[in-house]
Amino acid sequence: MTAAGWIFLVVSWGAILALCGFCFWKVMTTTRENIHAPLDIDTDEHEPQGDADTRGTPAPPQGAA
């Protein structure tokens, strides 16, 4: 392989490893306050209003046992 090929190889792998290292560093140094469970995220969706339950099935008639 020529000298230019070796330089290109070393620079390319260096960039790949540097980017991978940066991403690992960002993930590993994230504080717990910035990590949210899916239920903690506010999606601005609200429960439906009315007599229907949340699964989309109608509520039983009034007075039914």
Protein backbone atom coordinates (compact mmCIF):
# COMPACT_ATOMS: atom_id res chain seq x y z
CA MET A 1 0.00 0.00 0.00
CA THR A 2 1.24 3.49 -0.74
CA ALA A 3 1.94 6.17 1.84
CA ALA A 4 -1.22 8.04 0.83
CA GLY A 5 -3.24 4.86 1.40
CA TRP A 6 -1.80 4.42 4.89
CA ILE A 7 -2.48 8.06 5.74
CA PHE A 8 -6.05 7.75 4.51
CA LEU A 9 -6.50 4.52 6.50
CA VAL A 10 -5.12 5.98 9.73
CA VAL A 11 -7.10 9.24 9.42
CA SER A 12 -10.33 7.38 8.60
CA TRP A 13 -10.01 4.95 11.52
CA GLY A 14 -8.96 7.78 13.79
CA ALA A 15 -12.10 9.73 12.92
CA ILE A 16 -14.31 6.66 13.43
CA LEU A 17 -12.77 5.85 16.81
CA ALA A 18 -12.89 9.49 17.92
CA LEU A 19 -16.59 9.78 17.04
CA CYS A 20 -17.35 6.47 18.76
CA GLY A 21 -15.43 7.58 21.86
CA PHE A 22 -17.23 10.93 21.91
CA CYS A 23 -20.63 9.20 21.70
CA PHE A 24 -19.73 6.78 24.50
CA TRP A 25 -18.50 9.70 26.64
CA LYS A 26 -21.76 11.63 26.09
CA VAL A 27 -23.88 8.61 27.01
CA MET A 28 -21.85 7.60 30.04
CA THR A 29 -21.67 11.11 31.52
CA THR A 30 -25.39 11.91 31.19
CA THR A 31 -26.89 12.79 34.58
CA ARG A 32 -29.91 10.94 35.93
CA GLU A 33 -32.02 14.12 35.81
CA ASN A 34 -31.84 14.08 32.01
CA ILE A 35 -33.09 10.49 31.68
CA HIS A 36 -36.87 10.08 31.61
CA ALA A 37 -39.07 7.01 31.50
CA PRO A 38 -41.64 6.96 28.69
CA LEU A 39 -44.45 7.69 31.17
CA ASP A 40 -42.65 10.80 32.46
CA ILE A 41 -42.72 12.48 29.05
CA ASP A 42 -45.61 14.93 28.60
CA THR A 43 -47.16 14.34 25.18
CA ASP A 44 -49.96 16.89 25.69
CA GLU A 45 -52.52 14.11 25.19
CA HIS A 46 -55.45 14.05 27.55
CA GLU A 47 -57.85 11.31 28.57
CA PRO A 48 -61.10 11.27 26.58
CA GLN A 49 -64.02 12.98 28.25
CA GLY A 50 -67.33 11.21 28.69
CA ASP A 51 -68.61 7.79 29.73
CA ALA A 52 -66.35 5.67 27.52
CA ASP A 53 -63.41 3.98 29.19
CA THR A 54 -59.86 4.42 27.92
CA ARG A 55 -59.74 1.22 25.83
CA GLY A 56 -62.28 2.49 23.33
CA THR A 57 -65.14 0.24 24.43
CA PRO A 58 -68.38 1.91 25.49
CA ALA A 59 -69.25 2.01 29.17
CA PRO A 60 -72.05 -0.24 30.38
CA PRO A 61 -75.51 1.31 30.55
CA GLN A 62 -76.42 3.16 33.72
CA GLY A 63 -78.06 0.99 36.35
CA ALA A 64 -76.56 -2.27 35.03
CA ALA A 65 -75.15 -4.54 37.69
